[in-house]
PDB file of N, CA and C in Angstrom:
ATOM      1  N   THR A   1       0.898  -1.205  -0.121  1.00  0.00           N
ATOM      2  CA  THR A   1       0.097  -0.215  -0.101  1.00  0.00           C
ATOM      3  C   THR A   1       0.928   1.157  -0.161  1.00  0.00           C
ATOM      4  N   HIS A   2       0.232   2.379  -0.501  1.00  0.00           N
ATOM      5  CA  HIS A   2       0.996   4.008  -0.298  1.00  0.00           C
ATOM      6  C   HIS A   2       0.293   4.521   0.852  1.00  0.00           C
ATOM      7  N   LEU A   3      -0.121   3.693   1.488  1.00  0.00           N
ATOM      8  CA  LEU A   3      -1.153   4.621   2.888  1.00  0.00           C
ATOM      9  C   LEU A   3      -0.627   4.300   3.868  1.00  0.00           C
ATOM     10  N   ALA A   4       0.126   5.191   4.736  1.00  0.00           N
ATOM     11  CA  ALA A   4       0.705   4.914   5.743  1.00  0.00           C
ATOM     12  C   ALA A   4      -0.192   4.259   7.107  1.00  0.00           C
ATOM     13  N   GLN A   5      -1.674   4.961   7.175  1.00  0.00           N
ATOM     14  CA  GLN A   5      -2.331   4.361   7.781  1.00  0.00           C
ATOM     15  C   GLN A   5      -2.785   3.298   7.712  1.00  0.00           C
ATOM     16  N   VAL A   6      -2.767   2.592   6.364  1.00  0.00           N
ATOM     17  CA  VAL A   6      -2.752   1.119   6.084  1.00  0.00           C
ATOM     18  C   VAL A   6      -2.082  -0.180   6.453  1.00  0.00           C
ATOM     19  N   ALA A   7      -0.649   0.809   6.126  1.00  0.00           N
ATOM     20  CA  ALA A   7       0.824  -0.308   6.603  1.00  0.00           C
ATOM     21  C   ALA A   7       0.842  -0.187   7.652  1.00  0.00           C
ATOM     22  N   ALA A   8       0.717   0.838   8.656  1.00  0.00           N
ATOM     23  CA  ALA A   8       0.839   0.778  10.204  1.00  0.00           C
ATOM     24  C   ALA A   8       0.276  -0.450  10.521  1.00  0.00           C
ATOM     25  N   TYR A   9      -0.825  -0.743  10.259  1.00  0.00           N
ATOM     26  CA  TYR A   9      -1.586  -2.614  10.506  1.00  0.00           C
ATOM     27  C   TYR A   9      -1.052  -3.608  10.681  1.00  0.00           C
ATOM     28  N   ALA A  10      -0.053  -3.628   9.529  1.00  0.00           N
ATOM     29  CA  ALA A  10       0.377  -4.613   9.178  1.00  0.00           C
ATOM     30  C   ALA A  10       1.648  -5.363   9.971  1.00  0.00           C
ATOM     31  N   ASP A  11       1.148  -6.791   9.739  1.00  0.00           N
ATOM     32  CA  ASP A  11       2.033  -7.450  10.782  1.00  0.00           C
ATOM     33  C   ASP A  11       3.884  -7.286  10.326  1.00  0.00           C
ATOM     34  N   ARG A  12       4.019  -7.122   8.927  1.00  0.00           N
ATOM     35  CA  ARG A  12       5.326  -7.071   8.709  1.00  0.00           C
ATOM     36  C   ARG A  12       5.277  -6.048   7.722  1.00  0.00           C
ATOM     37  N   HIS A  13       6.315  -5.296   7.570  1.00  0.00           N
ATOM     38  CA  HIS A  13       6.494  -4.263   6.589  1.00  0.00           C
ATOM     39  C   HIS A  13       7.684  -4.683   5.481  1.00  0.00           C
ATOM     40  N   LEU A  14       7.353  -4.510   4.276  1.00  0.00           N
ATOM     41  CA  LEU A  14       8.392  -4.447   3.249  1.00  0.00           C
ATOM     42  C   LEU A  14       8.154  -3.214   2.046  1.00  0.00           C
ATOM     43  N   VAL A  15       9.555  -3.079   1.843  1.00  0.00           N
ATOM     44  CA  VAL A  15       9.412  -1.865   0.977  1.00  0.00           C
ATOM     45  C   VAL A  15      10.146  -2.287  -0.614  1.00  0.00           C
ATOM     46  N   VAL A  16       9.433  -1.928  -1.428  1.00  0.00           N
ATOM     47  CA  VAL A  16      10.173  -1.981  -2.866  1.00  0.00           C
ATOM     48  C   VAL A  16      10.977  -0.819  -3.258  1.00  0.00           C
ATOM     49  N   ASP A  17      12.561  -1.249  -3.824  1.00  0.00           N
ATOM     50  CA  ASP A  17      12.786  -0.576  -4.055  1.00  0.00           C
ATOM     51  C   ASP A  17      13.451  -0.679  -5.665  1.00  0.00           C
ATOM     52  N   LYS A  18      13.284   0.745  -6.535  1.00  0.00           N
ATOM     53  CA  LYS A  18      13.398   0.403  -7.781  1.00  0.00           C
ATOM     54  C   LYS A  18      15.101   1.591  -8.366  1.00  0.00           C
ATOM     55  N   ALA A  19      15.859   1.292  -8.868  1.00  0.00           N
ATOM     56  CA  ALA A  19      16.613   2.395  -8.751  1.00  0.00           C
ATOM     57  C   ALA A  19      17.107   2.023 -10.612  1.00  0.00           C
ATOM     58  N   THR A  20      17.148   3.278 -11.609  1.00  0.00           N
ATOM     59  CA  THR A  20      17.931   3.178 -13.177  1.00  0.00           C
ATOM     60  C   THR A  20      18.933   3.651 -13.237  1.00  0.00           C
ATOM     61  N   TYR A  21      19.898   3.567 -13.808  1.00  0.00           N
ATOM     62  CA  TYR A  21      21.049   3.371 -13.719  1.00  0.00           C
ATOM     63  C   TYR A  21      21.512   4.379 -15.394  1.00  0.00           C
ATOM     64  N   ALA A  22      22.520   4.847 -15.150  1.00  0.00           N
ATOM     65  CA  ALA A  22      22.913   5.864 -16.686  1.00  0.00           C
ATOM     66  C   ALA A  22      23.110   4.820 -17.719  1.00  0.00           C
ATOM     67  N   THR A  23      23.586   3.879 -17.616  1.00  0.00           N
ATOM     68  CA  THR A  23      23.346   2.503 -18.386  1.00  0.00           C
ATOM     69  C   THR A  23      22.246   2.239 -18.980  1.00  0.00           C
ATOM     70  N   GLY A  24      21.298   2.530 -18.519  1.00  0.00           N
ATOM     71  CA  GLY A  24      19.949   1.988 -18.871  1.00  0.00           C
ATOM     72  C   GLY A  24      19.272   0.615 -18.047  1.00  0.00           C
ATOM     73  N   LEU A  25      20.021   0.151 -17.190  1.00  0.00           N
ATOM     74  CA  LEU A  25      19.914  -0.823 -16.422  1.00  0.00           C
ATOM     75  C   LEU A  25      18.911  -0.596 -15.128  1.00  0.00           C
ATOM     76  N   THR A  26      17.474  -1.015 -15.272  1.00  0.00           N
ATOM     77  CA  THR A  26      16.794  -0.848 -14.203  1.00  0.00           C
ATOM     78  C   THR A  26      16.851  -2.273 -12.920  1.00  0.00           C
ATOM     79  N   ARG A  27      17.066  -1.777 -11.792  1.00  0.00           N
ATOM     80  CA  ARG A  27      17.086  -2.909 -10.502  1.00  0.00           C
ATOM     81  C   ARG A  27      15.807  -2.463  -9.846  1.00  0.00           C
ATOM     82  N   SER A  28      15.281  -3.732  -9.202  1.00  0.00           N
ATOM     83  CA  SER A  28      14.314  -3.565  -8.556  1.00  0.00           C
ATOM     84  C   SER A  28      14.719  -4.872  -7.482  1.00  0.00           C
ATOM     85  N   GLY A  29      14.481  -4.346  -6.246  1.00  0.00           N
ATOM     86  CA  GLY A  29      14.626  -5.123  -4.862  1.00  0.00           C
ATOM     87  C   GLY A  29      13.386  -5.081  -3.988  1.00  0.00           C
ATOM     88  N   VAL A  30      13.292  -6.033  -2.652  1.00  0.00           N
ATOM     89  CA  VAL A  30      12.206  -6.083  -1.589  1.00  0.00           C
ATOM     90  C   VAL A  30      13.356  -6.398  -0.617  1.00  0.00           C
ATOM     91  N   ARG A  31      12.633  -5.485   0.485  1.00  0.00           N
ATOM     92  CA  ARG A  31      13.443  -5.917   1.812  1.00  0.00           C
ATOM     93  C   ARG A  31      12.377  -5.642   2.981  1.00  0.00           C
ATOM     94  N   ALA A  32      12.703  -6.369   3.990  1.00  0.00           N
ATOM     95  CA  ALA A  32      11.691  -6.022   5.201  1.00  0.00           C
ATOM     96  C   ALA A  32      12.341  -5.556   5.948  1.00  0.00           C
ATOM     97  N   LEU A  33      11.653  -4.365   6.833  1.00  0.00           N
ATOM     98  CA  LEU A  33      11.832  -3.199   7.965  1.00  0.00           C
ATOM     99  C   LEU A  33      11.769  -3.907   8.895  1.00  0.00           C
ATOM    100  N   ASP A  34      12.900  -3.628   9.600  1.00  0.00           N
ATOM    101  CA  ASP A  34      12.784  -3.732  11.192  1.00  0.00           C
ATOM    102  C   ASP A  34      11.841  -2.465  11.758  1.00  0.00           C
ATOM    103  N   GLU A  35      12.022  -2.137  13.355  1.00  0.00           N
ATOM    104  CA  GLU A  35      11.090  -1.471  13.790  1.00  0.00           C
ATOM    105  C   GLU A  35      11.614  -0.227  13.434  1.00  0.00           C
ATOM    106  N   THR A  36      12.407   0.201  13.975  1.00  0.00           N
ATOM    107  CA  THR A  36      13.448   1.160  13.817  1.00  0.00           C
ATOM    108  C   THR A  36      12.895   1.943  12.203  1.00  0.00           C
ATOM    109  N   ALA A  37      13.530   1.112  11.014  1.00  0.00           N
ATOM    110  CA  ALA A  37      13.164   1.126   9.940  1.00  0.00           C
ATOM    111  C   ALA A  37      11.975   1.787   9.531  1.00  0.00           C
ATOM    112  N   ARG A  38      10.918   0.552  10.164  1.00  0.00           N
ATOM    113  CA  ARG A  38       9.646   0.883   9.868  1.00  0.00           C
ATOM    114  C   ARG A  38       8.853   2.417  10.197  1.00  0.00           C
ATOM    115  N   VAL A  39       9.509   2.859  11.368  1.00  0.00           N
ATOM    116  CA  VAL A  39       9.109   4.284  11.680  1.00  0.00           C
ATOM    117  C   VAL A  39       9.683   5.082  10.845  1.00  0.00           C
ATOM    118  N   GLY A  40      10.594   5.102  10.305  1.00  0.00           N
ATOM    119  CA  GLY A  40      11.209   6.019   9.032  1.00  0.00           C
ATOM    120  C   GLY A  40      10.392   5.829   7.945  1.00  0.00           C
ATOM    121  N   GLU A  41      10.156   4.851   7.309  1.00  0.00           N
ATOM    122  CA  GLU A  41       9.449   4.561   5.962  1.00  0.00           C
ATOM    123  C   GLU A  41       7.925   5.188   6.210  1.00  0.00           C
ATOM    124  N   LEU A  42       7.130   4.870   7.449  1.00  0.00           N
ATOM    125  CA  LEU A  42       5.758   5.189   7.776  1.00  0.00           C
ATOM    126  C   LEU A  42       6.151   6.950   7.706  1.00  0.00           C
ATOM    127  N   ALA A  43       7.049   7.707   8.499  1.00  0.00           N
ATOM    128  CA  ALA A  43       7.207   8.558   8.763  1.00  0.00           C
ATOM    129  C   ALA A  43       7.214   9.464   7.065  1.00  0.00           C
ATOM    130  N   ARG A  44       7.982   8.912   6.263  1.00  0.00           N
ATOM    131  CA  ARG A  44       8.439   9.454   4.899  1.00  0.00           C
ATOM    132  C   ARG A  44       7.072   8.931   4.268  1.00  0.00           C
ATOM    133  N   MET A  45       6.282   7.892   4.250  1.00  0.00           N
ATOM    134  CA  MET A  45       5.014   8.444   3.510  1.00  0.00           C
ATOM    135  C   MET A  45       4.114   9.348   4.081  1.00  0.00           C
ATOM    136  N   LEU A  46       4.204   9.606   5.420  1.00  0.00           N
ATOM    137  CA  LEU A  46       3.159  10.330   5.672  1.00  0.00           C
ATOM    138  C   LEU A  46       3.496  11.847   5.572  1.00  0.00           C
ATOM    139  N   ALA A  47       5.093  12.310   5.258  1.00  0.00           N
ATOM    140  CA  ALA A  47       5.499  13.467   5.605  1.00  0.00           C
ATOM    141  C   ALA A  47       6.419  14.123   3.891  1.00  0.00           C
ATOM    142  N   GLY A  48       6.590  12.901   3.496  1.00  0.00           N
ATOM    143  CA  GLY A  48       7.449  13.018   2.317  1.00  0.00           C
ATOM    144  C   GLY A  48       8.373  12.703   2.470  1.00  0.00           C
ATOM    145  N   LEU A  49       9.775  13.320   1.924  1.00  0.00           N
ATOM    146  CA  LEU A  49      10.900  12.611   1.563  1.00  0.00           C
ATOM    147  C   LEU A  49      11.727  12.971   2.605  1.00  0.00           C
ATOM    148  N   ASP A  50      11.592  14.388   3.396  1.00  0.00           N
ATOM    149  CA  ASP A  50      12.240  14.919   4.625  1.00  0.00           C
ATOM    150  C   ASP A  50      12.222  13.856   6.089  1.00  0.00           C
ATOM    151  N   ASP A  51      13.546  13.522   6.413  1.00  0.00           N
ATOM    152  CA  ASP A  51      13.259  12.746   7.588  1.00  0.00           C
ATOM    153  C   ASP A  51      13.012  14.024   8.941  1.00  0.00           C
ATOM    154  N   THR A  52      12.156  14.105   9.526  1.00  0.00           N
ATOM    155  CA  THR A  52      11.845  15.173  10.501  1.00  0.00           C
ATOM    156  C   THR A  52      11.214  14.162  11.776  1.00  0.00           C
ATOM    157  N   ASP A  53      11.612  15.112  12.679  1.00  0.00           N
ATOM    158  CA  ASP A  53      11.448  14.719  14.274  1.00  0.00           C
ATOM    159  C   ASP A  53       9.806  14.647  14.350  1.00  0.00           C
ATOM    160  N   THR A  54       9.103  15.609  13.364  1.00  0.00           N
ATOM    161  CA  THR A  54       7.671  15.696  13.863  1.00  0.00           C
ATOM    162  C   THR A  54       7.000  14.390  13.126  1.00  0.00           C
ATOM    163  N   GLY A  55       7.765  14.093  11.766  1.00  0.00           N
ATOM    164  CA  GLY A  55       6.965  12.813  10.977  1.00  0.00           C
ATOM    165  C   GLY A  55       7.384  11.513  11.558  1.00  0.00           C
ATOM    166  N   ARG A  56       8.728  11.510  12.337  1.00  0.00           N
ATOM    167  CA  ARG A  56       8.799  10.422  13.065  1.00  0.00           C
ATOM    168  C   ARG A  56       7.742   9.891  14.582  1.00  0.00           C
ATOM    169  N   ALA A  57       7.352  11.295  14.869  1.00  0.00           N
ATOM    170  CA  ALA A  57       6.418  11.218  16.170  1.00  0.00           C
ATOM    171  C   ALA A  57       5.355  10.796  15.570  1.00  0.00           C
ATOM    172  N   HIS A  58       4.595  11.369  14.325  1.00  0.00           N
ATOM    173  CA  HIS A  58       3.599  10.809  14.117  1.00  0.00           C
ATOM    174  C   HIS A  58       3.367   9.657  13.466  1.00  0.00           C
ATOM    175  N   ALA A  59       4.653   8.811  13.087  1.00  0.00           N
ATOM    176  CA  ALA A  59       4.564   7.604  12.743  1.00  0.00           C
ATOM    177  C   ALA A  59       4.714   6.508  13.844  1.00  0.00           C
ATOM    178  N   GLU A  60       5.505   7.232  15.067  1.00  0.00           N
ATOM    179  CA  GLU A  60       5.078   6.367  16.116  1.00  0.00           C
ATOM    180  C   GLU A  60       3.965   6.192  16.849  1.00  0.00           C
ATOM    181  N   GLU A  61       3.234   7.343  16.697  1.00  0.00           N
ATOM    182  CA  GLU A  61       1.678   7.526  17.301  1.00  0.00           C
ATOM    183  C   GLU A  61       0.787   6.623  16.679  1.00  0.00           C
ATOM    184  N   LEU A  62       0.896   6.707  15.168  1.00  0.00           N
ATOM    185  CA  LEU A  62       0.072   5.696  14.409  1.00  0.00           C
ATOM    186  C   LEU A  62       0.332   4.366  14.208  1.00  0.00           C
ATOM    187  N   LEU A  63       1.774   3.868  14.674  1.00  0.00           N
ATOM    188  CA  LEU A  63       2.127   2.296  15.162  1.00  0.00           C
ATOM    189  C   LEU A  63       1.070   2.130  16.602  1.00  0.00           C
ATOM    190  N   LEU A  64       1.373   3.173  17.161  1.00  0.00           N
ATOM    191  CA  LEU A  64       1.003   2.505  18.940  1.00  0.00           C
ATOM    192  C   LEU A  64      -0.685   2.130  18.324  1.00  0.00           C
ATOM    193  N   SER A  65      -1.272   3.641  18.193  1.00  0.00           N
ATOM    194  CA  SER A  65      -2.845   3.214  17.770  1.00  0.00           C
ATOM    195  C   SER A  65      -3.114   1.941  17.128  1.00  0.00           C
ATOM    196  N   ALA A  66      -2.466   2.009  16.198  1.00  0.00           N
ATOM    197  CA  ALA A  66      -2.837   0.306  15.022  1.00  0.00           C
ATOM    198  C   ALA A  66      -2.583  -0.819  15.826  1.00  0.00           C
ATOM    199  N   THR A  67      -1.580  -0.876  16.790  1.00  0.00           N
ATOM    200  CA  THR A  67      -1.153  -1.819  17.575  1.00  0.00           C
ATOM    201  C   THR A  67      -2.307  -1.682  18.676  1.00  0.00           C
ATOM    202  N   ALA A  68      -2.672  -1.196  19.087  1.00  0.00           N
ATOM    203  CA  ALA A  68      -3.617  -1.124  20.374  1.00  0.00           C
ATOM    204  C   ALA A  68      -5.175  -1.227  19.338  1.00  0.00           C
ATOM    205  N   ASP A  69      -5.786  -0.899  18.005  1.00  0.00           N
ATOM    206  CA  ASP A  69      -6.323  -1.557  17.559  1.00  0.00           C
ATOM    207  C   ASP A  69      -6.843  -2.905  17.511  1.00  0.00           C
ATOM    208  N   LYS A  70      -5.389  -3.588  17.092  1.00  0.00           N
ATOM    209  CA  LYS A  70      -5.342  -4.798  16.431  1.00  0.00           C
ATOM    210  C   LYS A  70      -5.654  -5.534  17.600  1.00  0.00           C
ATOM    211  N   ALA A  71      -5.255  -5.141  19.008  1.00  0.00           N
ATOM    212  CA  ALA A  71      -5.123  -5.705  20.424  1.00  0.00           C
ATOM    213  C   ALA A  71      -6.528  -5.977  20.999  1.00  0.00           C
ATOM    214  N   ARG A  72      -7.043  -4.739  20.442  1.00  0.00           N
ATOM    215  CA  ARG A  72      -8.553  -4.677  21.002  1.00  0.00           C
ATOM    216  C   ARG A  72      -9.410  -5.959  20.145  1.00  0.00           C
ATOM    217  N   GLU A  73      -9.120  -5.694  18.934  1.00  0.00           N
ATOM    218  CA  GLU A  73      -9.732  -6.617  17.868  1.00  0.00           C
ATOM    219  C   GLU A  73     -10.043  -7.899  18.610  1.00  0.00           C
ATOM    220  N   CYS A  74      -8.380  -8.436  19.060  1.00  0.00           N
ATOM    221  CA  CYS A  74      -8.079  -9.856  19.272  1.00  0.00           C
ATOM    222  C   CYS A  74      -8.866 -10.017  20.419  1.00  0.00           C
ATOM    223  N   GLU A  75      -8.821  -9.412  21.126  1.00  0.00           N
ATOM    224  CA  GLU A  75      -9.493  -9.863  22.566  1.00  0.00           C
ATOM    225  C   GLU A  75     -11.206  -9.838  22.399  1.00  0.00           C
ATOM    226  N   THR A  76     -11.675  -9.266  21.348  1.00  0.00           N
ATOM    227  CA  THR A  76     -12.941  -8.952  20.761  1.00  0.00           C
ATOM    228  C   THR A  76     -13.528 -10.484  20.593  1.00  0.00           C
ATOM    229  N   VAL A  77     -12.372 -10.604  19.515  1.00  0.00           N
ATOM    230  CA  VAL A  77     -12.650 -12.064  18.902  1.00  0.00           C
ATOM    231  C   VAL A  77     -12.640 -13.280  19.764  1.00  0.00           C
ATOM    232  N   LEU A  78     -11.787 -13.388  20.642  1.00  0.00           N
ATOM    233  CA  LEU A  78     -11.606 -14.242  21.885  1.00  0.00           C
ATOM    234  C   LEU A  78     -12.389 -14.597  22.841  1.00  0.00           C
TER     235      LEU A  78
END
């Protein structure tokens, strides 16, 4: 997804990278993010390409909210 609000609910966060070189070669790759990198990626998705403290704070708050929502949902099911 391209929506940070949806990505925050995921159990695992993957990033697809694409690079095009001067030779015309294009390479793509997929990597799994750890929690620190996930906060950075969610901040980028929320605020753009700049890495700011405000963007990171919003990303952390979004992750906490999503985690709490998922926990409440599990309690309801059980």
